[in-house]
Structures are given as C-alpha cells and as structure tokens.
Amino acid sequence: MDHKALLDKDKIIPERMAVLKSLPMELKQQLTGEEAQAFLYGDELPPGLAEKLKDYLVDEDT
C-alpha cells in the first residue's frame, strides 16, 4: 500500500481483512490506501482495484 491510512476498525469486514492478508506481497504493495480501505469496508471497488484483483475475485452471478 502506498501509505498507512487510518482505518475505522469498526467498519472493517473481518473476512476481507483475512483475504487482504492472504494476497501476494507484490500485489499488496501495489494497493493504494484508498483501494485497501474500499476493499476492507465493502465499498464499491475503484476501477483500478478491480483490475488488480481480477485473478482473485469470484463472480457470484455465475
């Protein structure tokens, strides 16, 4: 991640934190603070983040 952003621990989805921790280090280093926060809080993913995570996301509609 680019920088350490202050996170609201009450908003973090624990399962998403576990997923974030399990990602390869090279990928985690590419994430911005905004991208990590959106992912952890369950917000809409920024387009750049969706692209970075495309190999790790599962389409629930299929």
PDB file of N, CA and C in Angstrom:
ATOM      1  N   MET A   1       0.844  -1.182   0.000  1.00  0.00           N
ATOM      2  CA  MET A   1       0.000   0.000   0.000  1.00  0.00           C
ATOM      3  C   MET A   1       0.882   1.234   0.000  1.00  0.00           C
ATOM      4  N   ASP A   2       0.421   2.265  -0.620  1.00  0.00           N
ATOM      5  CA  ASP A   2       1.220   3.473  -0.763  1.00  0.00           C
ATOM      6  C   ASP A   2       1.531   4.131   0.573  1.00  0.00           C
ATOM      7  N   HIS A   3       0.549   4.158   1.461  1.00  0.00           N
ATOM      8  CA  HIS A   3       0.749   4.803   2.747  1.00  0.00           C
ATOM      9  C   HIS A   3      -0.185   4.174   3.758  1.00  0.00           C
ATOM     10  N   LYS A   4       0.124   4.409   5.010  1.00  0.00           N
ATOM     11  CA  LYS A   4      -0.720   3.882   6.078  1.00  0.00           C
ATOM     12  C   LYS A   4      -1.859   4.854   6.318  1.00  0.00           C
ATOM     13  N   ALA A   5      -3.059   4.444   5.965  1.00  0.00           N
ATOM     14  CA  ALA A   5      -4.239   5.265   6.221  1.00  0.00           C
ATOM     15  C   ALA A   5      -4.841   4.826   7.547  1.00  0.00           C
ATOM     16  N   LEU A   6      -5.405   5.771   8.263  1.00  0.00           N
ATOM     17  CA  LEU A   6      -6.089   5.417   9.492  1.00  0.00           C
ATOM     18  C   LEU A   6      -7.398   4.742   9.123  1.00  0.00           C
ATOM     19  N   LEU A   7      -7.603   3.553   9.652  1.00  0.00           N
ATOM     20  CA  LEU A   7      -8.800   2.788   9.341  1.00  0.00           C
ATOM     21  C   LEU A   7      -9.737   2.776  10.533  1.00  0.00           C
ATOM     22  N   ASP A   8     -11.026   2.808  10.254  1.00  0.00           N
ATOM     23  CA  ASP A   8     -12.051   2.674  11.284  1.00  0.00           C
ATOM     24  C   ASP A   8     -12.253   1.182  11.501  1.00  0.00           C
ATOM     25  N   LYS A   9     -11.699   0.659  12.584  1.00  0.00           N
ATOM     26  CA  LYS A   9     -11.728  -0.781  12.834  1.00  0.00           C
ATOM     27  C   LYS A   9     -13.143  -1.330  12.927  1.00  0.00           C
ATOM     28  N   ASP A  10     -14.109  -0.500  13.290  1.00  0.00           N
ATOM     29  CA  ASP A  10     -15.497  -0.953  13.388  1.00  0.00           C
ATOM     30  C   ASP A  10     -16.121  -1.188  12.011  1.00  0.00           C
ATOM     31  N   LYS A  11     -15.562  -0.576  10.975  1.00  0.00           N
ATOM     32  CA  LYS A  11     -16.104  -0.721   9.620  1.00  0.00           C
ATOM     33  C   LYS A  11     -15.458  -1.873   8.849  1.00  0.00           C
ATOM     34  N   ILE A  12     -14.325  -2.358   9.320  1.00  0.00           N
ATOM     35  CA  ILE A  12     -13.597  -3.402   8.601  1.00  0.00           C
ATOM     36  C   ILE A  12     -14.362  -4.720   8.671  1.00  0.00           C
ATOM     37  N   ILE A  13     -14.519  -5.354   7.522  1.00  0.00           N
ATOM     38  CA  ILE A  13     -15.143  -6.673   7.441  1.00  0.00           C
ATOM     39  C   ILE A  13     -14.033  -7.700   7.674  1.00  0.00           C
ATOM     40  N   PRO A  14     -14.116  -8.465   8.776  1.00  0.00           N
ATOM     41  CA  PRO A  14     -13.020  -9.382   9.138  1.00  0.00           C
ATOM     42  C   PRO A  14     -12.622 -10.354   8.024  1.00  0.00           C
ATOM     43  N   GLU A  15     -13.587 -10.860   7.284  1.00  0.00           N
ATOM     44  CA  GLU A  15     -13.269 -11.794   6.199  1.00  0.00           C
ATOM     45  C   GLU A  15     -12.453 -11.117   5.105  1.00  0.00           C
ATOM     46  N   ARG A  16     -12.735  -9.852   4.878  1.00  0.00           N
ATOM     47  CA  ARG A  16     -11.974  -9.116   3.858  1.00  0.00           C
ATOM     48  C   ARG A  16     -10.555  -8.833   4.341  1.00  0.00           C
ATOM     49  N   MET A  17     -10.398  -8.605   5.633  1.00  0.00           N
ATOM     50  CA  MET A  17      -9.054  -8.415   6.182  1.00  0.00           C
ATOM     51  C   MET A  17      -8.238  -9.694   5.989  1.00  0.00           C
ATOM     52  N   ALA A  18      -8.869 -10.842   6.229  1.00  0.00           N
ATOM     53  CA  ALA A  18      -8.180 -12.120   6.046  1.00  0.00           C
ATOM     54  C   ALA A  18      -7.771 -12.311   4.587  1.00  0.00           C
ATOM     55  N   VAL A  19      -8.658 -11.943   3.668  1.00  0.00           N
ATOM     56  CA  VAL A  19      -8.346 -12.056   2.240  1.00  0.00           C
ATOM     57  C   VAL A  19      -7.193 -11.126   1.886  1.00  0.00           C
ATOM     58  N   LEU A  20      -7.256  -9.897   2.358  1.00  0.00           N
ATOM     59  CA  LEU A  20      -6.195  -8.931   2.061  1.00  0.00           C
ATOM     60  C   LEU A  20      -4.844  -9.441   2.563  1.00  0.00           C
ATOM     61  N   LYS A  21      -4.829  -9.991   3.753  1.00  0.00           N
ATOM     62  CA  LYS A  21      -3.579 -10.514   4.316  1.00  0.00           C
ATOM     63  C   LYS A  21      -3.044 -11.700   3.526  1.00  0.00           C
ATOM     64  N   SER A  22      -3.936 -12.451   2.868  1.00  0.00           N
ATOM     65  CA  SER A  22      -3.513 -13.649   2.142  1.00  0.00           C
ATOM     66  C   SER A  22      -3.024 -13.359   0.720  1.00  0.00           C
ATOM     67  N   LEU A  23      -3.211 -12.134   0.247  1.00  0.00           N
ATOM     68  CA  LEU A  23      -2.767 -11.787  -1.108  1.00  0.00           C
ATOM     69  C   LEU A  23      -1.242 -11.783  -1.185  1.00  0.00           C
ATOM     70  N   PRO A  24      -0.697 -12.048  -2.369  1.00  0.00           N
ATOM     71  CA  PRO A  24       0.760 -11.994  -2.538  1.00  0.00           C
ATOM     72  C   PRO A  24       1.303 -10.601  -2.194  1.00  0.00           C
ATOM     73  N   MET A  25       2.476 -10.568  -1.603  1.00  0.00           N
ATOM     74  CA  MET A  25       3.103  -9.315  -1.180  1.00  0.00           C
ATOM     75  C   MET A  25       3.231  -8.333  -2.343  1.00  0.00           C
ATOM     76  N   GLU A  26       3.572  -8.832  -3.538  1.00  0.00           N
ATOM     77  CA  GLU A  26       3.735  -7.951  -4.695  1.00  0.00           C
ATOM     78  C   GLU A  26       2.435  -7.206  -4.995  1.00  0.00           C
ATOM     79  N   LEU A  27       1.310  -7.888  -4.840  1.00  0.00           N
ATOM     80  CA  LEU A  27       0.017  -7.267  -5.101  1.00  0.00           C
ATOM     81  C   LEU A  27      -0.325  -6.269  -3.998  1.00  0.00           C
ATOM     82  N   LYS A  28      -0.103  -6.642  -2.752  1.00  0.00           N
ATOM     83  CA  LYS A  28      -0.404  -5.733  -1.635  1.00  0.00           C
ATOM     84  C   LYS A  28       0.394  -4.442  -1.747  1.00  0.00           C
ATOM     85  N   GLN A  29       1.616  -4.521  -2.244  1.00  0.00           N
ATOM     86  CA  GLN A  29       2.451  -3.332  -2.377  1.00  0.00           C
ATOM     87  C   GLN A  29       1.937  -2.387  -3.457  1.00  0.00           C
ATOM     88  N   GLN A  30       1.116  -2.885  -4.367  1.00  0.00           N
ATOM     89  CA  GLN A  30       0.559  -2.058  -5.438  1.00  0.00           C
ATOM     90  C   GLN A  30      -0.709  -1.325  -5.014  1.00  0.00           C
ATOM     91  N   LEU A  31      -1.317  -1.736  -3.906  1.00  0.00           N
ATOM     92  CA  LEU A  31      -2.585  -1.149  -3.481  1.00  0.00           C
ATOM     93  C   LEU A  31      -2.381   0.225  -2.855  1.00  0.00           C
ATOM     94  N   THR A  32      -3.267   1.144  -3.188  1.00  0.00           N
ATOM     95  CA  THR A  32      -3.251   2.452  -2.534  1.00  0.00           C
ATOM     96  C   THR A  32      -4.046   2.348  -1.235  1.00  0.00           C
ATOM     97  N   GLY A  33      -3.903   3.321  -0.373  1.00  0.00           N
ATOM     98  CA  GLY A  33      -4.685   3.355   0.861  1.00  0.00           C
ATOM     99  C   GLY A  33      -6.174   3.402   0.575  1.00  0.00           C
ATOM    100  N   GLU A  34      -6.563   4.172  -0.441  1.00  0.00           N
ATOM    101  CA  GLU A  34      -7.974   4.281  -0.824  1.00  0.00           C
ATOM    102  C   GLU A  34      -8.520   2.931  -1.290  1.00  0.00           C
ATOM    103  N   GLU A  35      -7.725   2.212  -2.081  1.00  0.00           N
ATOM    104  CA  GLU A  35      -8.157   0.904  -2.572  1.00  0.00           C
ATOM    105  C   GLU A  35      -8.306  -0.095  -1.433  1.00  0.00           C
ATOM    106  N   ALA A  36      -7.333  -0.123  -0.540  1.00  0.00           N
ATOM    107  CA  ALA A  36      -7.398  -1.048   0.587  1.00  0.00           C
ATOM    108  C   ALA A  36      -8.599  -0.739   1.469  1.00  0.00           C
ATOM    109  N   GLN A  37      -8.833   0.527   1.721  1.00  0.00           N
ATOM    110  CA  GLN A  37      -9.966   0.922   2.563  1.00  0.00           C
ATOM    111  C   GLN A  37     -11.289   0.515   1.920  1.00  0.00           C
ATOM    112  N   ALA A  38     -11.452   0.768   0.631  1.00  0.00           N
ATOM    113  CA  ALA A  38     -12.691   0.392  -0.063  1.00  0.00           C
ATOM    114  C   ALA A  38     -12.911  -1.108   0.029  1.00  0.00           C
ATOM    115  N   PHE A  39     -11.859  -1.877  -0.158  1.00  0.00           N
ATOM    116  CA  PHE A  39     -11.972  -3.332  -0.084  1.00  0.00           C
ATOM    117  C   PHE A  39     -12.348  -3.779   1.325  1.00  0.00           C
ATOM    118  N   LEU A  40     -11.660  -3.253   2.324  1.00  0.00           N
ATOM    119  CA  LEU A  40     -11.894  -3.668   3.711  1.00  0.00           C
ATOM    120  C   LEU A  40     -13.270  -3.278   4.226  1.00  0.00           C
ATOM    121  N   TYR A  41     -13.796  -2.150   3.757  1.00  0.00           N
ATOM    122  CA  TYR A  41     -15.098  -1.674   4.228  1.00  0.00           C
ATOM    123  C   TYR A  41     -16.260  -2.227   3.406  1.00  0.00           C
ATOM    124  N   GLY A  42     -15.967  -2.922   2.307  1.00  0.00           N
ATOM    125  CA  GLY A  42     -17.034  -3.442   1.461  1.00  0.00           C
ATOM    126  C   GLY A  42     -17.647  -2.389   0.562  1.00  0.00           C
ATOM    127  N   ASP A  43     -16.915  -1.294   0.346  1.00  0.00           N
ATOM    128  CA  ASP A  43     -17.391  -0.238  -0.547  1.00  0.00           C
ATOM    129  C   ASP A  43     -17.220  -0.681  -2.001  1.00  0.00           C
ATOM    130  N   GLU A  44     -17.793   0.101  -2.916  1.00  0.00           N
ATOM    131  CA  GLU A  44     -17.604  -0.180  -4.339  1.00  0.00           C
ATOM    132  C   GLU A  44     -16.112  -0.115  -4.649  1.00  0.00           C
ATOM    133  N   LEU A  45     -15.631  -1.105  -5.384  1.00  0.00           N
ATOM    134  CA  LEU A  45     -14.207  -1.155  -5.694  1.00  0.00           C
ATOM    135  C   LEU A  45     -13.849  -0.134  -6.763  1.00  0.00           C
ATOM    136  N   PRO A  46     -12.791   0.649  -6.523  1.00  0.00           N
ATOM    137  CA  PRO A  46     -12.315   1.552  -7.568  1.00  0.00           C
ATOM    138  C   PRO A  46     -11.909   0.726  -8.795  1.00  0.00           C
ATOM    139  N   PRO A  47     -12.069   1.269 -10.002  1.00  0.00           N
ATOM    140  CA  PRO A  47     -11.740   0.506 -11.217  1.00  0.00           C
ATOM    141  C   PRO A  47     -10.329  -0.084 -11.202  1.00  0.00           C
ATOM    142  N   GLY A  48      -9.373   0.654 -10.721  1.00  0.00           N
ATOM    143  CA  GLY A  48      -8.003   0.148 -10.678  1.00  0.00           C
ATOM    144  C   GLY A  48      -7.851  -1.051  -9.766  1.00  0.00           C
ATOM    145  N   LEU A  49      -8.584  -1.058  -8.674  1.00  0.00           N
ATOM    146  CA  LEU A  49      -8.506  -2.174  -7.734  1.00  0.00           C
ATOM    147  C   LEU A  49      -9.151  -3.414  -8.325  1.00  0.00           C
ATOM    148  N   ALA A  50     -10.280  -3.246  -8.966  1.00  0.00           N
ATOM    149  CA  ALA A  50     -10.943  -4.390  -9.603  1.00  0.00           C
ATOM    150  C   ALA A  50      -9.998  -5.043 -10.613  1.00  0.00           C
ATOM    151  N   GLU A  51      -9.256  -4.222 -11.342  1.00  0.00           N
ATOM    152  CA  GLU A  51      -8.301  -4.750 -12.322  1.00  0.00           C
ATOM    153  C   GLU A  51      -7.168  -5.503 -11.614  1.00  0.00           C
ATOM    154  N   LYS A  52      -6.644  -4.947 -10.533  1.00  0.00           N
ATOM    155  CA  LYS A  52      -5.553  -5.596  -9.801  1.00  0.00           C
ATOM    156  C   LYS A  52      -5.987  -6.929  -9.203  1.00  0.00           C
ATOM    157  N   LEU A  53      -7.249  -7.021  -8.791  1.00  0.00           N
ATOM    158  CA  LEU A  53      -7.745  -8.224  -8.109  1.00  0.00           C
ATOM    159  C   LEU A  53      -8.456  -9.207  -9.032  1.00  0.00           C
ATOM    160  N   LYS A  54      -8.495  -8.933 -10.330  1.00  0.00           N
ATOM    161  CA  LYS A  54      -9.307  -9.743 -11.249  1.00  0.00           C
ATOM    162  C   LYS A  54      -8.987 -11.235 -11.181  1.00  0.00           C
ATOM    163  N   ASP A  55      -7.750 -11.604 -10.920  1.00  0.00           N
ATOM    164  CA  ASP A  55      -7.382 -13.020 -10.853  1.00  0.00           C
ATOM    165  C   ASP A  55      -7.770 -13.662  -9.524  1.00  0.00           C
ATOM    166  N   TYR A  56      -8.229 -12.860  -8.576  1.00  0.00           N
ATOM    167  CA  TYR A  56      -8.548 -13.363  -7.239  1.00  0.00           C
ATOM    168  C   TYR A  56     -10.029 -13.256  -6.894  1.00  0.00           C
ATOM    169  N   LEU A  57     -10.798 -12.530  -7.711  1.00  0.00           N
ATOM    170  CA  LEU A  57     -12.222 -12.332  -7.440  1.00  0.00           C
ATOM    171  C   LEU A  57     -13.053 -13.427  -8.095  1.00  0.00           C
ATOM    172  N   VAL A  58     -14.148 -13.782  -7.430  1.00  0.00           N
ATOM    173  CA  VAL A  58     -15.076 -14.777  -7.951  1.00  0.00           C
ATOM    174  C   VAL A  58     -16.376 -14.069  -8.287  1.00  0.00           C
ATOM    175  N   ASP A  59     -16.899 -14.317  -9.477  1.00  0.00           N
ATOM    176  CA  ASP A  59     -18.170 -13.733  -9.892  1.00  0.00           C
ATOM    177  C   ASP A  59     -19.290 -14.561  -9.285  1.00  0.00           C
ATOM    178  N   GLU A  60     -20.027 -13.984  -8.344  1.00  0.00           N
ATOM    179  CA  GLU A  60     -21.085 -14.716  -7.650  1.00  0.00           C
ATOM    180  C   GLU A  60     -22.295 -14.966  -8.530  1.00  0.00           C
ATOM    181  N   ASP A  61     -22.410 -14.283  -9.666  1.00  0.00           N
ATOM    182  CA  ASP A  61     -23.553 -14.444 -10.557  1.00  0.00           C
ATOM    183  C   ASP A  61     -23.443 -15.683 -11.440  1.00  0.00           C
ATOM    184  N   THR A  62     -22.258 -16.283 -11.499  1.00  0.00           N
ATOM    185  CA  THR A  62     -22.086 -17.458 -12.363  1.00  0.00           C
ATOM    186  C   THR A  62     -22.013 -18.721 -11.564  1.00  0.00           C
TER     187      THR A  62
END
